[in-house]
PDB file of N, CA and C in Angstrom:
ATOM      1  N   UNK A   1       0.851  -1.173   0.000  1.00  0.00           N
ATOM      2  CA  UNK A   1       0.000   0.000   0.000  1.00  0.00           C
ATOM      3  C   UNK A   1       0.896   1.235   0.000  1.00  0.00           C
ATOM      4  N   UNK A   2       0.624   2.211  -0.848  1.00  0.00           N
ATOM      5  CA  UNK A   2       1.434   3.433  -0.904  1.00  0.00           C
ATOM      6  C   UNK A   2       1.403   4.201   0.421  1.00  0.00           C
ATOM      7  N   UNK A   3       2.469   4.929   0.699  1.00  0.00           N
ATOM      8  CA  UNK A   3       2.557   5.701   1.941  1.00  0.00           C
ATOM      9  C   UNK A   3       1.394   6.672   2.100  1.00  0.00           C
ATOM     10  N   UNK A   4       0.962   7.297   1.018  1.00  0.00           N
ATOM     11  CA  UNK A   4      -0.150   8.260   1.101  1.00  0.00           C
ATOM     12  C   UNK A   4      -1.417   7.572   1.608  1.00  0.00           C
ATOM     13  N   UNK A   5      -1.652   6.330   1.184  1.00  0.00           N
ATOM     14  CA  UNK A   5      -2.818   5.593   1.654  1.00  0.00           C
ATOM     15  C   UNK A   5      -2.666   5.198   3.120  1.00  0.00           C
ATOM     16  N   UNK A   6      -1.460   4.842   3.528  1.00  0.00           N
ATOM     17  CA  UNK A   6      -1.214   4.474   4.926  1.00  0.00           C
ATOM     18  C   UNK A   6      -1.530   5.627   5.862  1.00  0.00           C
ATOM     19  N   UNK A   7      -1.310   6.852   5.415  1.00  0.00           N
ATOM     20  CA  UNK A   7      -1.609   8.018   6.253  1.00  0.00           C
ATOM     21  C   UNK A   7      -3.100   8.093   6.574  1.00  0.00           C
ATOM     22  N   UNK A   8      -3.954   7.660   5.652  1.00  0.00           N
ATOM     23  CA  UNK A   8      -5.389   7.695   5.879  1.00  0.00           C
ATOM     24  C   UNK A   8      -5.801   6.736   6.987  1.00  0.00           C
ATOM     25  N   UNK A   9      -5.077   5.647   7.144  1.00  0.00           N
ATOM     26  CA  UNK A   9      -5.395   4.687   8.211  1.00  0.00           C
ATOM     27  C   UNK A   9      -5.213   5.367   9.563  1.00  0.00           C
ATOM     28  N   UNK A  10      -4.102   6.057   9.753  1.00  0.00           N
ATOM     29  CA  UNK A  10      -3.869   6.786  10.998  1.00  0.00           C
ATOM     30  C   UNK A  10      -4.877   7.901  11.219  1.00  0.00           C
ATOM     31  N   UNK A  11      -5.235   8.593  10.158  1.00  0.00           N
ATOM     32  CA  UNK A  11      -6.243   9.655  10.269  1.00  0.00           C
ATOM     33  C   UNK A  11      -7.593   9.072  10.689  1.00  0.00           C
ATOM     34  N   UNK A  12      -7.962   7.945  10.105  1.00  0.00           N
ATOM     35  CA  UNK A  12      -9.235   7.311  10.458  1.00  0.00           C
ATOM     36  C   UNK A  12      -9.242   6.920  11.933  1.00  0.00           C
ATOM     37  N   UNK A  13      -8.135   6.383  12.432  1.00  0.00           N
ATOM     38  CA  UNK A  13      -8.045   6.031  13.858  1.00  0.00           C
ATOM     39  C   UNK A  13      -8.225   7.267  14.727  1.00  0.00           C
ATOM     40  N   UNK A  14      -7.571   8.371  14.367  1.00  0.00           N
ATOM     41  CA  UNK A  14      -7.681   9.599  15.161  1.00  0.00           C
ATOM     42  C   UNK A  14      -9.108  10.145  15.147  1.00  0.00           C
ATOM     43  N   UNK A  15      -9.765  10.085  13.994  1.00  0.00           N
ATOM     44  CA  UNK A  15     -11.152  10.544  13.890  1.00  0.00           C
ATOM     45  C   UNK A  15     -12.044   9.708  14.808  1.00  0.00           C
ATOM     46  N   UNK A  16     -11.891   8.402  14.748  1.00  0.00           N
ATOM     47  CA  UNK A  16     -12.708   7.504  15.572  1.00  0.00           C
ATOM     48  C   UNK A  16     -12.431   7.747  17.050  1.00  0.00           C
ATOM     49  N   UNK A  17     -11.172   7.852  17.422  1.00  0.00           N
ATOM     50  CA  UNK A  17     -10.812   8.093  18.825  1.00  0.00           C
ATOM     51  C   UNK A  17     -11.458   9.383  19.336  1.00  0.00           C
ATOM     52  N   UNK A  18     -11.365  10.454  18.552  1.00  0.00           N
ATOM     53  CA  UNK A  18     -11.933  11.741  18.965  1.00  0.00           C
ATOM     54  C   UNK A  18     -13.456  11.655  19.109  1.00  0.00           C
ATOM     55  N   UNK A  19     -14.113  11.026  18.143  1.00  0.00           N
ATOM     56  CA  UNK A  19     -15.575  10.927  18.192  1.00  0.00           C
ATOM     57  C   UNK A  19     -16.020  10.084  19.383  1.00  0.00           C
ATOM     58  N   UNK A  20     -15.348   8.978  19.647  1.00  0.00           N
ATOM     59  CA  UNK A  20     -15.725   8.121  20.763  1.00  0.00           C
ATOM     60  C   UNK A  20     -15.508   8.829  22.097  1.00  0.00           C
ATOM     61  N   UNK A  21     -14.457   9.584  22.210  1.00  0.00           N
ATOM     62  CA  UNK A  21     -14.246  10.358  23.448  1.00  0.00           C
ATOM     63  C   UNK A  21     -15.321  11.424  23.599  1.00  0.00           C
ATOM     64  N   UNK A  22     -15.702  12.055  22.499  1.00  0.00           N
ATOM     65  CA  UNK A  22     -16.777  13.050  22.536  1.00  0.00           C
ATOM     66  C   UNK A  22     -18.085  12.397  23.005  1.00  0.00           C
ATOM     67  N   UNK A  23     -18.337  11.169  22.557  1.00  0.00           N
ATOM     68  CA  UNK A  23     -19.530  10.423  22.957  1.00  0.00           C
ATOM     69  C   UNK A  23     -19.374   9.772  24.323  1.00  0.00           C
ATOM     70  N   UNK A  24     -18.232   9.963  24.967  1.00  0.00           N
ATOM     71  CA  UNK A  24     -17.929   9.322  26.261  1.00  0.00           C
ATOM     72  C   UNK A  24     -18.026   7.797  26.167  1.00  0.00           C
ATOM     73  N   UNK A  25     -17.471   7.280  25.077  1.00  0.00           N
ATOM     74  CA  UNK A  25     -17.462   5.832  24.829  1.00  0.00           C
ATOM     75  C   UNK A  25     -16.020   5.325  24.853  1.00  0.00           C
ATOM     76  N   UNK A  26     -15.255   5.789  25.839  1.00  0.00           N
ATOM     77  CA  UNK A  26     -13.841   5.416  25.933  1.00  0.00           C
ATOM     78  C   UNK A  26     -13.638   3.917  26.062  1.00  0.00           C
ATOM     79  N   UNK A  27     -14.648   3.212  26.550  1.00  0.00           N
ATOM     80  CA  UNK A  27     -14.527   1.770  26.761  1.00  0.00           C
ATOM     81  C   UNK A  27     -14.351   0.951  25.499  1.00  0.00           C
ATOM     82  N   UNK A  28     -14.572   1.545  24.332  1.00  0.00           N
ATOM     83  CA  UNK A  28     -14.409   0.795  23.086  1.00  0.00           C
ATOM     84  C   UNK A  28     -13.340   1.404  22.175  1.00  0.00           C
ATOM     85  N   UNK A  29     -12.622   2.410  22.654  1.00  0.00           N
ATOM     86  CA  UNK A  29     -11.656   3.110  21.792  1.00  0.00           C
ATOM     87  C   UNK A  29     -10.609   2.162  21.216  1.00  0.00           C
ATOM     88  N   UNK A  30      -9.998   1.343  22.044  1.00  0.00           N
ATOM     89  CA  UNK A  30      -8.920   0.474  21.541  1.00  0.00           C
ATOM     90  C   UNK A  30      -9.441  -0.529  20.508  1.00  0.00           C
ATOM     91  N   UNK A  31     -10.579  -1.141  20.782  1.00  0.00           N
ATOM     92  CA  UNK A  31     -11.140  -2.089  19.820  1.00  0.00           C
ATOM     93  C   UNK A  31     -11.544  -1.377  18.535  1.00  0.00           C
ATOM     94  N   UNK A  32     -12.136  -0.189  18.673  1.00  0.00           N
ATOM     95  CA  UNK A  32     -12.559   0.570  17.491  1.00  0.00           C
ATOM     96  C   UNK A  32     -11.368   0.960  16.638  1.00  0.00           C
ATOM     97  N   UNK A  33     -10.285   1.401  17.256  1.00  0.00           N
ATOM     98  CA  UNK A  33      -9.093   1.766  16.489  1.00  0.00           C
ATOM     99  C   UNK A  33      -8.547   0.564  15.730  1.00  0.00           C
ATOM    100  N   UNK A  34      -8.564  -0.606  16.347  1.00  0.00           N
ATOM    101  CA  UNK A  34      -8.062  -1.805  15.687  1.00  0.00           C
ATOM    102  C   UNK A  34      -8.939  -2.188  14.491  1.00  0.00           C
ATOM    103  N   UNK A  35     -10.261  -2.213  14.685  1.00  0.00           N
ATOM    104  CA  UNK A  35     -11.105  -2.619  13.564  1.00  0.00           C
ATOM    105  C   UNK A  35     -11.088  -1.581  12.452  1.00  0.00           C
ATOM    106  N   UNK A  36     -11.019  -0.298  12.797  1.00  0.00           N
ATOM    107  CA  UNK A  36     -10.938   0.737  11.760  1.00  0.00           C
ATOM    108  C   UNK A  36      -9.638   0.592  10.979  1.00  0.00           C
ATOM    109  N   UNK A  37      -8.544   0.324  11.666  1.00  0.00           N
ATOM    110  CA  UNK A  37      -7.270   0.117  10.975  1.00  0.00           C
ATOM    111  C   UNK A  37      -7.383  -1.011   9.966  1.00  0.00           C
ATOM    112  N   UNK A  38      -7.960  -2.113  10.387  1.00  0.00           N
ATOM    113  CA  UNK A  38      -8.088  -3.267   9.504  1.00  0.00           C
ATOM    114  C   UNK A  38      -9.017  -2.985   8.330  1.00  0.00           C
ATOM    115  N   UNK A  39     -10.184  -2.400   8.610  1.00  0.00           N
ATOM    116  CA  UNK A  39     -11.161  -2.174   7.549  1.00  0.00           C
ATOM    117  C   UNK A  39     -10.695  -1.120   6.548  1.00  0.00           C
ATOM    118  N   UNK A  40     -10.082  -0.051   7.033  1.00  0.00           N
ATOM    119  CA  UNK A  40      -9.590   0.981   6.114  1.00  0.00           C
ATOM    120  C   UNK A  40      -8.411   0.445   5.299  1.00  0.00           C
ATOM    121  N   UNK A  41      -7.529  -0.296   5.930  1.00  0.00           N
ATOM    122  CA  UNK A  41      -6.416  -0.908   5.199  1.00  0.00           C
ATOM    123  C   UNK A  41      -6.949  -1.816   4.095  1.00  0.00           C
ATOM    124  N   UNK A  42      -7.943  -2.658   4.419  1.00  0.00           N
ATOM    125  CA  UNK A  42      -8.525  -3.542   3.406  1.00  0.00           C
ATOM    126  C   UNK A  42      -9.165  -2.755   2.275  1.00  0.00           C
ATOM    127  N   UNK A  43      -9.854  -1.679   2.612  1.00  0.00           N
ATOM    128  CA  UNK A  43     -10.516  -0.879   1.572  1.00  0.00           C
ATOM    129  C   UNK A  43      -9.490  -0.278   0.612  1.00  0.00           C
ATOM    130  N   UNK A  44      -8.373   0.199   1.140  1.00  0.00           N
ATOM    131  CA  UNK A  44      -7.330   0.748   0.273  1.00  0.00           C
ATOM    132  C   UNK A  44      -6.614  -0.354  -0.501  1.00  0.00           C
ATOM    133  N   UNK A  45      -6.387  -1.494   0.147  1.00  0.00           N
ATOM    134  CA  UNK A  45      -5.632  -2.565  -0.498  1.00  0.00           C
ATOM    135  C   UNK A  45      -6.438  -3.298  -1.563  1.00  0.00           C
ATOM    136  N   UNK A  46      -7.747  -3.440  -1.351  1.00  0.00           N
ATOM    137  CA  UNK A  46      -8.549  -4.275  -2.240  1.00  0.00           C
ATOM    138  C   UNK A  46      -9.635  -3.522  -2.997  1.00  0.00           C
ATOM    139  N   UNK A  47      -9.788  -2.253  -2.725  1.00  0.00           N
ATOM    140  CA  UNK A  47     -10.845  -1.476  -3.379  1.00  0.00           C
ATOM    141  C   UNK A  47     -10.273  -0.313  -4.161  1.00  0.00           C
ATOM    142  N   UNK A  48     -11.089   0.697  -4.297  1.00  0.00           N
ATOM    143  CA  UNK A  48     -10.678   1.928  -4.978  1.00  0.00           C
ATOM    144  C   UNK A  48     -10.326   2.952  -3.913  1.00  0.00           C
ATOM    145  N   UNK A  49      -9.071   3.052  -3.586  1.00  0.00           N
ATOM    146  CA  UNK A  49      -8.604   3.874  -2.490  1.00  0.00           C
ATOM    147  C   UNK A  49      -9.083   5.313  -2.497  1.00  0.00           C
ATOM    148  N   UNK A  50      -9.247   5.908  -3.659  1.00  0.00           N
ATOM    149  CA  UNK A  50      -9.633   7.315  -3.734  1.00  0.00           C
ATOM    150  C   UNK A  50     -11.043   7.552  -3.215  1.00  0.00           C
ATOM    151  N   UNK A  51     -11.843   6.491  -3.070  1.00  0.00           N
ATOM    152  CA  UNK A  51     -13.242   6.653  -2.672  1.00  0.00           C
ATOM    153  C   UNK A  51     -13.557   6.019  -1.326  1.00  0.00           C
ATOM    154  N   UNK A  52     -12.569   5.692  -0.534  1.00  0.00           N
ATOM    155  CA  UNK A  52     -12.805   5.032   0.744  1.00  0.00           C
ATOM    156  C   UNK A  52     -13.539   5.986   1.683  1.00  0.00           C
ATOM    157  N   UNK A  53     -14.604   5.475   2.300  1.00  0.00           N
ATOM    158  CA  UNK A  53     -15.374   6.267   3.248  1.00  0.00           C
ATOM    159  C   UNK A  53     -15.519   5.553   4.573  1.00  0.00           C
ATOM    160  N   UNK A  54     -15.649   6.343   5.624  1.00  0.00           N
ATOM    161  CA  UNK A  54     -15.796   5.847   6.984  1.00  0.00           C
ATOM    162  C   UNK A  54     -17.063   6.459   7.568  1.00  0.00           C
ATOM    163  N   UNK A  55     -17.918   5.622   8.136  1.00  0.00           N
ATOM    164  CA  UNK A  55     -19.122   6.089   8.834  1.00  0.00           C
ATOM    165  C   UNK A  55     -19.057   5.601  10.264  1.00  0.00           C
ATOM    166  N   UNK A  56     -19.413   6.478  11.169  1.00  0.00           N
ATOM    167  CA  UNK A  56     -19.417   6.139  12.582  1.00  0.00           C
ATOM    168  C   UNK A  56     -20.726   6.649  13.163  1.00  0.00           C
ATOM    169  N   UNK A  57     -21.457   5.773  13.854  1.00  0.00           N
ATOM    170  CA  UNK A  57     -22.718   6.183  14.464  1.00  0.00           C
ATOM    171  C   UNK A  57     -22.858   5.498  15.813  1.00  0.00           C
ATOM    172  N   UNK A  58     -23.763   6.066  16.622  1.00  0.00           N
ATOM    173  CA  UNK A  58     -24.030   5.471  17.930  1.00  0.00           C
ATOM    174  C   UNK A  58     -25.526   5.475  18.174  1.00  0.00           C
ATOM    175  N   UNK A  59     -26.022   4.354  18.639  1.00  0.00           N
ATOM    176  CA  UNK A  59     -27.414   4.225  19.056  1.00  0.00           C
ATOM    177  C   UNK A  59     -27.400   3.580  20.435  1.00  0.00           C
ATOM    178  N   UNK A  60     -27.620   4.378  21.461  1.00  0.00           N
ATOM    179  CA  UNK A  60     -27.560   3.863  22.829  1.00  0.00           C
ATOM    180  C   UNK A  60     -26.165   3.372  23.164  1.00  0.00           C
ATOM    181  N   UNK A  61     -26.076   2.113  23.548  1.00  0.00           N
ATOM    182  CA  UNK A  61     -24.793   1.534  23.943  1.00  0.00           C
ATOM    183  C   UNK A  61     -24.078   0.835  22.796  1.00  0.00           C
ATOM    184  N   UNK A  62     -24.515   1.074  21.558  1.00  0.00           N
ATOM    185  CA  UNK A  62     -23.905   0.405  20.403  1.00  0.00           C
ATOM    186  C   UNK A  62     -23.267   1.434  19.479  1.00  0.00           C
ATOM    187  N   UNK A  63     -21.983   1.245  19.226  1.00  0.00           N
ATOM    188  CA  UNK A  63     -21.256   2.052  18.251  1.00  0.00           C
ATOM    189  C   UNK A  63     -21.144   1.219  16.984  1.00  0.00           C
ATOM    190  N   UNK A  64     -21.498   1.826  15.858  1.00  0.00           N
ATOM    191  CA  UNK A  64     -21.425   1.134  14.563  1.00  0.00           C
ATOM    192  C   UNK A  64     -20.395   1.833  13.692  1.00  0.00           C
ATOM    193  N   UNK A  65     -19.532   1.036  13.092  1.00  0.00           N
ATOM    194  CA  UNK A  65     -18.491   1.515  12.193  1.00  0.00           C
ATOM    195  C   UNK A  65     -18.742   0.886  10.835  1.00  0.00           C
ATOM    196  N   UNK A  66     -18.706   1.700   9.775  1.00  0.00           N
ATOM    197  CA  UNK A  66     -18.850   1.188   8.416  1.00  0.00           C
ATOM    198  C   UNK A  66     -17.722   1.746   7.561  1.00  0.00           C
ATOM    199  N   UNK A  67     -17.133   0.894   6.756  1.00  0.00           N
ATOM    200  CA  UNK A  67     -16.066   1.311   5.847  1.00  0.00           C
ATOM    201  C   UNK A  67     -16.335   0.691   4.482  1.00  0.00           C
ATOM    202  N   UNK A  68     -16.202   1.500   3.449  1.00  0.00           N
ATOM    203  CA  UNK A  68     -16.382   1.002   2.093  1.00  0.00           C
ATOM    204  C   UNK A  68     -15.839   1.998   1.087  1.00  0.00           C
ATOM    205  N   UNK A  69     -15.871   1.607  -0.167  1.00  0.00           N
ATOM    206  CA  UNK A  69     -15.377   2.489  -1.226  1.00  0.00           C
ATOM    207  C   UNK A  69     -16.382   2.647  -2.360  1.00  0.00           C
ATOM    208  N   UNK A  70     -17.621   2.228  -2.134  1.00  0.00           N
ATOM    209  CA  UNK A  70     -18.654   2.373  -3.147  1.00  0.00           C
ATOM    210  C   UNK A  70     -18.782   1.199  -4.102  1.00  0.00           C
ATOM    211  N   UNK A  71     -17.856   0.273  -4.049  1.00  0.00           N
ATOM    212  CA  UNK A  71     -17.939  -0.906  -4.897  1.00  0.00           C
ATOM    213  C   UNK A  71     -18.449  -2.085  -4.069  1.00  0.00           C
ATOM    214  N   UNK A  72     -18.927  -3.103  -4.732  1.00  0.00           N
ATOM    215  CA  UNK A  72     -19.423  -4.292  -4.040  1.00  0.00           C
ATOM    216  C   UNK A  72     -18.244  -5.008  -3.386  1.00  0.00           C
ATOM    217  N   UNK A  73     -18.416  -5.318  -2.120  1.00  0.00           N
ATOM    218  CA  UNK A  73     -17.376  -5.982  -1.336  1.00  0.00           C
ATOM    219  C   UNK A  73     -17.540  -7.482  -1.477  1.00  0.00           C
ATOM    220  N   UNK A  74     -16.443  -8.158  -1.722  1.00  0.00           N
ATOM    221  CA  UNK A  74     -16.430  -9.609  -1.743  1.00  0.00           C
ATOM    222  C   UNK A  74     -15.546 -10.071  -0.598  1.00  0.00           C
ATOM    223  N   UNK A  75     -16.161 -10.736   0.353  1.00  0.00           N
ATOM    224  CA  UNK A  75     -15.385 -11.238   1.485  1.00  0.00           C
ATOM    225  C   UNK A  75     -14.615 -12.473   1.054  1.00  0.00           C
ATOM    226  N   UNK A  76     -13.383 -12.607   1.527  1.00  0.00           N
ATOM    227  CA  UNK A  76     -12.608 -13.792   1.156  1.00  0.00           C
ATOM    228  C   UNK A  76     -13.210 -15.038   1.785  1.00  0.00           C
ATOM    229  N   UNK A  77     -13.139 -16.127   1.085  1.00  0.00           N
ATOM    230  CA  UNK A  77     -13.606 -17.394   1.634  1.00  0.00           C
ATOM    231  C   UNK A  77     -12.593 -17.948   2.615  1.00  0.00           C
ATOM    232  N   UNK A  78     -13.000 -18.954   3.334  1.00  0.00           N
ATOM    233  CA  UNK A  78     -12.061 -19.629   4.227  1.00  0.00           C
ATOM    234  C   UNK A  78     -10.945 -20.233   3.389  1.00  0.00           C
ATOM    235  N   UNK A  79      -9.750 -19.988   3.805  1.00  0.00           N
ATOM    236  CA  UNK A  79      -8.625 -20.554   3.077  1.00  0.00           C
ATOM    237  C   UNK A  79      -7.549 -20.944   4.078  1.00  0.00           C
ATOM    238  N   UNK A  80      -6.862 -22.022   3.801  1.00  0.00           N
ATOM    239  CA  UNK A  80      -5.777 -22.401   4.709  1.00  0.00           C
ATOM    240  C   UNK A  80      -4.654 -21.368   4.615  1.00  0.00           C
ATOM    241  N   UNK A  81      -4.048 -21.072   5.736  1.00  0.00           N
ATOM    242  CA  UNK A  81      -2.916 -20.146   5.690  1.00  0.00           C
ATOM    243  C   UNK A  81      -1.830 -20.627   6.634  1.00  0.00           C
ATOM    244  N   UNK A  82      -0.653 -20.304   6.249  1.00  0.00           N
ATOM    245  CA  UNK A  82       0.504 -20.677   7.037  1.00  0.00           C
ATOM    246  C   UNK A  82       0.542 -19.858   8.322  1.00  0.00           C
ATOM    247  N   UNK A  83       1.050 -20.445   9.365  1.00  0.00           N
ATOM    248  CA  UNK A  83       1.235 -19.712  10.620  1.00  0.00           C
ATOM    249  C   UNK A  83       2.217 -18.561  10.431  1.00  0.00           C
ATOM    250  N   UNK A  84       2.988 -18.610   9.369  1.00  0.00           N
ATOM    251  CA  UNK A  84       4.001 -17.576   9.108  1.00  0.00           C
ATOM    252  C   UNK A  84       3.536 -16.534   8.089  1.00  0.00           C
ATOM    253  N   UNK A  85       2.301 -16.659   7.607  1.00  0.00           N
ATOM    254  CA  UNK A  85       1.793 -15.701   6.621  1.00  0.00           C
ATOM    255  C   UNK A  85       1.756 -14.303   7.220  1.00  0.00           C
ATOM    256  N   UNK A  86       2.122 -13.307   6.415  1.00  0.00           N
ATOM    257  CA  UNK A  86       2.182 -11.931   6.892  1.00  0.00           C
ATOM    258  C   UNK A  86       0.880 -11.172   6.681  1.00  0.00           C
ATOM    259  N   UNK A  87      -0.093 -11.761   6.034  1.00  0.00           N
ATOM    260  CA  UNK A  87      -1.370 -11.085   5.818  1.00  0.00           C
ATOM    261  C   UNK A  87      -2.496 -12.112   5.834  1.00  0.00           C
ATOM    262  N   UNK A  88      -3.730 -11.608   5.739  1.00  0.00           N
ATOM    263  CA  UNK A  88      -4.867 -12.503   5.647  1.00  0.00           C
ATOM    264  C   UNK A  88      -5.620 -12.715   6.947  1.00  0.00           C
ATOM    265  N   UNK A  89      -5.290 -11.946   7.977  1.00  0.00           N
ATOM    266  CA  UNK A  89      -5.962 -12.124   9.263  1.00  0.00           C
ATOM    267  C   UNK A  89      -6.811 -10.926   9.680  1.00  0.00           C
ATOM    268  N   UNK A  90      -6.918  -9.921   8.826  1.00  0.00           N
ATOM    269  CA  UNK A  90      -7.617  -8.685   9.182  1.00  0.00           C
ATOM    270  C   UNK A  90      -9.065  -8.894   9.587  1.00  0.00           C
ATOM    271  N   UNK A  91      -9.817  -9.629   8.780  1.00  0.00           N
ATOM    272  CA  UNK A  91     -11.221  -9.842   9.128  1.00  0.00           C
ATOM    273  C   UNK A  91     -11.377 -10.783  10.321  1.00  0.00           C
ATOM    274  N   UNK A  92     -10.393 -11.642  10.547  1.00  0.00           N
ATOM    275  CA  UNK A  92     -10.412 -12.461  11.762  1.00  0.00           C
ATOM    276  C   UNK A  92     -10.299 -11.563  12.994  1.00  0.00           C
ATOM    277  N   UNK A  93      -9.447 -10.539  12.898  1.00  0.00           N
ATOM    278  CA  UNK A  93      -9.307  -9.578  14.001  1.00  0.00           C
ATOM    279  C   UNK A  93     -10.599  -8.794  14.208  1.00  0.00           C
ATOM    280  N   UNK A  94     -11.212  -8.377  13.110  1.00  0.00           N
ATOM    281  CA  UNK A  94     -12.488  -7.655  13.206  1.00  0.00           C
ATOM    282  C   UNK A  94     -13.512  -8.542  13.906  1.00  0.00           C
ATOM    283  N   UNK A  95     -13.623  -9.791  13.481  1.00  0.00           N
ATOM    284  CA  UNK A  95     -14.585 -10.717  14.091  1.00  0.00           C
ATOM    285  C   UNK A  95     -14.302 -10.928  15.575  1.00  0.00           C
ATOM    286  N   UNK A  96     -13.029 -10.979  15.950  1.00  0.00           N
ATOM    287  CA  UNK A  96     -12.665 -11.197  17.347  1.00  0.00           C
ATOM    288  C   UNK A  96     -12.939  -9.966  18.206  1.00  0.00           C
ATOM    289  N   UNK A  97     -12.797  -8.776  17.642  1.00  0.00           N
ATOM    290  CA  UNK A  97     -12.953  -7.537  18.414  1.00  0.00           C
ATOM    291  C   UNK A  97     -14.380  -7.022  18.446  1.00  0.00           C
ATOM    292  N   UNK A  98     -15.143  -7.267  17.393  1.00  0.00           N
ATOM    293  CA  UNK A  98     -16.490  -6.715  17.282  1.00  0.00           C
ATOM    294  C   UNK A  98     -17.506  -7.625  17.947  1.00  0.00           C
ATOM    295  N   UNK A  99     -18.591  -7.019  18.399  1.00  0.00           N
ATOM    296  CA  UNK A  99     -19.691  -7.804  18.957  1.00  0.00           C
ATOM    297  C   UNK A  99     -20.567  -8.360  17.841  1.00  0.00           C
ATOM    298  N   UNK A 100     -20.539  -7.715  16.681  1.00  0.00           N
ATOM    299  CA  UNK A 100     -21.243  -8.192  15.482  1.00  0.00           C
ATOM    300  C   UNK A 100     -20.570  -7.513  14.291  1.00  0.00           C
ATOM    301  N   UNK A 101     -20.636  -8.161  13.126  1.00  0.00           N
ATOM    302  CA  UNK A 101     -20.080  -7.547  11.921  1.00  0.00           C
ATOM    303  C   UNK A 101     -20.658  -8.225  10.697  1.00  0.00           C
ATOM    304  N   UNK A 102     -20.519  -7.568   9.549  1.00  0.00           N
ATOM    305  CA  UNK A 102     -21.016  -8.135   8.306  1.00  0.00           C
ATOM    306  C   UNK A 102     -20.945  -7.127   7.180  1.00  0.00           C
ATOM    307  N   UNK A 103     -21.765  -7.333   6.161  1.00  0.00           N
ATOM    308  CA  UNK A 103     -21.839  -6.423   5.018  1.00  0.00           C
ATOM    309  C   UNK A 103     -23.173  -5.681   5.058  1.00  0.00           C
ATOM    310  N   UNK A 104     -23.173  -4.433   4.600  1.00  0.00           N
ATOM    311  CA  UNK A 104     -24.427  -3.708   4.461  1.00  0.00           C
ATOM    312  C   UNK A 104     -25.287  -4.420   3.429  1.00  0.00           C
ATOM    313  N   UNK A 105     -26.587  -4.134   3.418  1.00  0.00           N
ATOM    314  CA  UNK A 105     -27.497  -4.838   2.515  1.00  0.00           C
ATOM    315  C   UNK A 105     -27.141  -4.635   1.048  1.00  0.00           C
ATOM    316  N   UNK A 106     -26.557  -3.482   0.711  1.00  0.00           N
ATOM    317  CA  UNK A 106     -26.138  -3.266  -0.681  1.00  0.00           C
ATOM    318  C   UNK A 106     -24.742  -3.814  -0.957  1.00  0.00           C
ATOM    319  N   UNK A 107     -24.126  -4.396   0.061  1.00  0.00           N
ATOM    320  CA  UNK A 107     -22.806  -5.036  -0.010  1.00  0.00           C
ATOM    321  C   UNK A 107     -21.684  -4.095  -0.447  1.00  0.00           C
ATOM    322  N   UNK A 108     -21.807  -2.815  -0.122  1.00  0.00           N
ATOM    323  CA  UNK A 108     -20.743  -1.869  -0.486  1.00  0.00           C
ATOM    324  C   UNK A 108     -19.894  -1.455   0.714  1.00  0.00           C
ATOM    325  N   UNK A 109     -20.304  -1.861   1.922  1.00  0.00           N
ATOM    326  CA  UNK A 109     -19.539  -1.497   3.113  1.00  0.00           C
ATOM    327  C   UNK A 109     -19.491  -2.671   4.087  1.00  0.00           C
ATOM    328  N   UNK A 110     -18.346  -2.796   4.755  1.00  0.00           N
ATOM    329  CA  UNK A 110     -18.227  -3.739   5.859  1.00  0.00           C
ATOM    330  C   UNK A 110     -18.580  -2.956   7.119  1.00  0.00           C
ATOM    331  N   UNK A 111     -19.406  -3.533   7.974  1.00  0.00           N
ATOM    332  CA  UNK A 111     -19.790  -2.861   9.213  1.00  0.00           C
ATOM    333  C   UNK A 111     -19.412  -3.724  10.401  1.00  0.00           C
ATOM    334  N   UNK A 112     -19.267  -3.073  11.531  1.00  0.00           N
ATOM    335  CA  UNK A 112     -19.110  -3.802  12.782  1.00  0.00           C
ATOM    336  C   UNK A 112     -19.741  -2.977  13.893  1.00  0.00           C
ATOM    337  N   UNK A 113     -20.152  -3.664  14.935  1.00  0.00           N
ATOM    338  CA  UNK A 113     -20.748  -3.007  16.089  1.00  0.00           C
ATOM    339  C   UNK A 113     -19.973  -3.370  17.338  1.00  0.00           C
ATOM    340  N   UNK A 114     -19.813  -2.365  18.190  1.00  0.00           N
ATOM    341  CA  UNK A 114     -19.130  -2.514  19.467  1.00  0.00           C
ATOM    342  C   UNK A 114     -20.077  -2.038  20.557  1.00  0.00           C
ATOM    343  N   UNK A 115     -20.254  -2.840  21.580  1.00  0.00           N
ATOM    344  CA  UNK A 115     -21.128  -2.465  22.692  1.00  0.00           C
ATOM    345  C   UNK A 115     -20.305  -1.717  23.734  1.00  0.00           C
ATOM    346  N   UNK A 116     -20.764  -0.531  24.083  1.00  0.00           N
ATOM    347  CA  UNK A 116     -20.072   0.320  25.048  1.00  0.00           C
ATOM    348  C   UNK A 116     -20.409  -0.165  26.456  1.00  0.00           C
ATOM    349  N   UNK A 117     -19.392  -0.492  27.250  1.00  0.00           N
ATOM    350  CA  UNK A 117     -19.667  -0.920  28.633  1.00  0.00           C
ATOM    351  C   UNK A 117     -20.254   0.234  29.444  1.00  0.00           C
ATOM    352  N   UNK A 118     -21.134  -0.076  30.372  1.00  0.00           N
ATOM    353  CA  UNK A 118     -21.772   0.966  31.194  1.00  0.00           C
ATOM    354  C   UNK A 118     -20.794   1.678  32.102  1.00  0.00           C
ATOM    355  N   UNK A 119     -19.772   0.979  32.578  1.00  0.00           N
ATOM    356  CA  UNK A 119     -18.838   1.607  33.524  1.00  0.00           C
ATOM    357  C   UNK A 119     -17.695   2.336  32.816  1.00  0.00           C
ATOM    358  N   UNK A 120     -17.677   2.316  31.471  1.00  0.00           N
ATOM    359  CA  UNK A 120     -16.631   3.014  30.729  1.00  0.00           C
ATOM    360  C   UNK A 120     -15.348   2.226  30.591  1.00  0.00           C
ATOM    361  N   UNK A 121     -15.250   1.069  31.233  1.00  0.00           N
ATOM    362  CA  UNK A 121     -14.027   0.277  31.154  1.00  0.00           C
ATOM    363  C   UNK A 121     -14.051  -0.583  29.890  1.00  0.00           C
ATOM    364  N   UNK A 122     -12.906  -0.708  29.276  1.00  0.00           N
ATOM    365  CA  UNK A 122     -12.825  -1.562  28.096  1.00  0.00           C
ATOM    366  C   UNK A 122     -12.904  -3.011  28.552  1.00  0.00           C
ATOM    367  N   UNK A 123     -13.533  -3.814  27.726  1.00  0.00           N
ATOM    368  CA  UNK A 123     -13.633  -5.225  28.107  1.00  0.00           C
ATOM    369  C   UNK A 123     -12.546  -6.030  27.487  1.00  0.00           C
TER     370      UNK A 123
END
C-alpha cells in the first residue's frame, strides 16, 4: 500500500478516537481503532482507495463503524494459511474484536458493532 494511503489509516483512527471520546465511549476506543485500521487498510488494499469512506454512528450503547469504497465488497472465503503468513488475518481480528459484523445490505460497506460498557471500562 502506498505511503499516502497508509496516512489515511492513521487519520481514520484519530477521527474515531476523537468521536468516541466526545460520545464518552472510551470503553471501546482500543477495539474501534483496531477494527478501523483493519477495515480501512482492506478498503485501500482491495478497493478503490480514492473513494474510501468511513461512517461512525451510535445508538444507545452500540457504536457502529462502516467502511467502504462504493464498490461491491467480496469477502474472502475460508482458506488455509501458514502460521508464518504476513497477511490474511484482518477480518479475523475484526470478528474477534467486534460484537457483530457483516456487510451492508447493498454489499458496499463492511460494518461492525461494538457495545459500550456501562462503567466506561474496556472489556
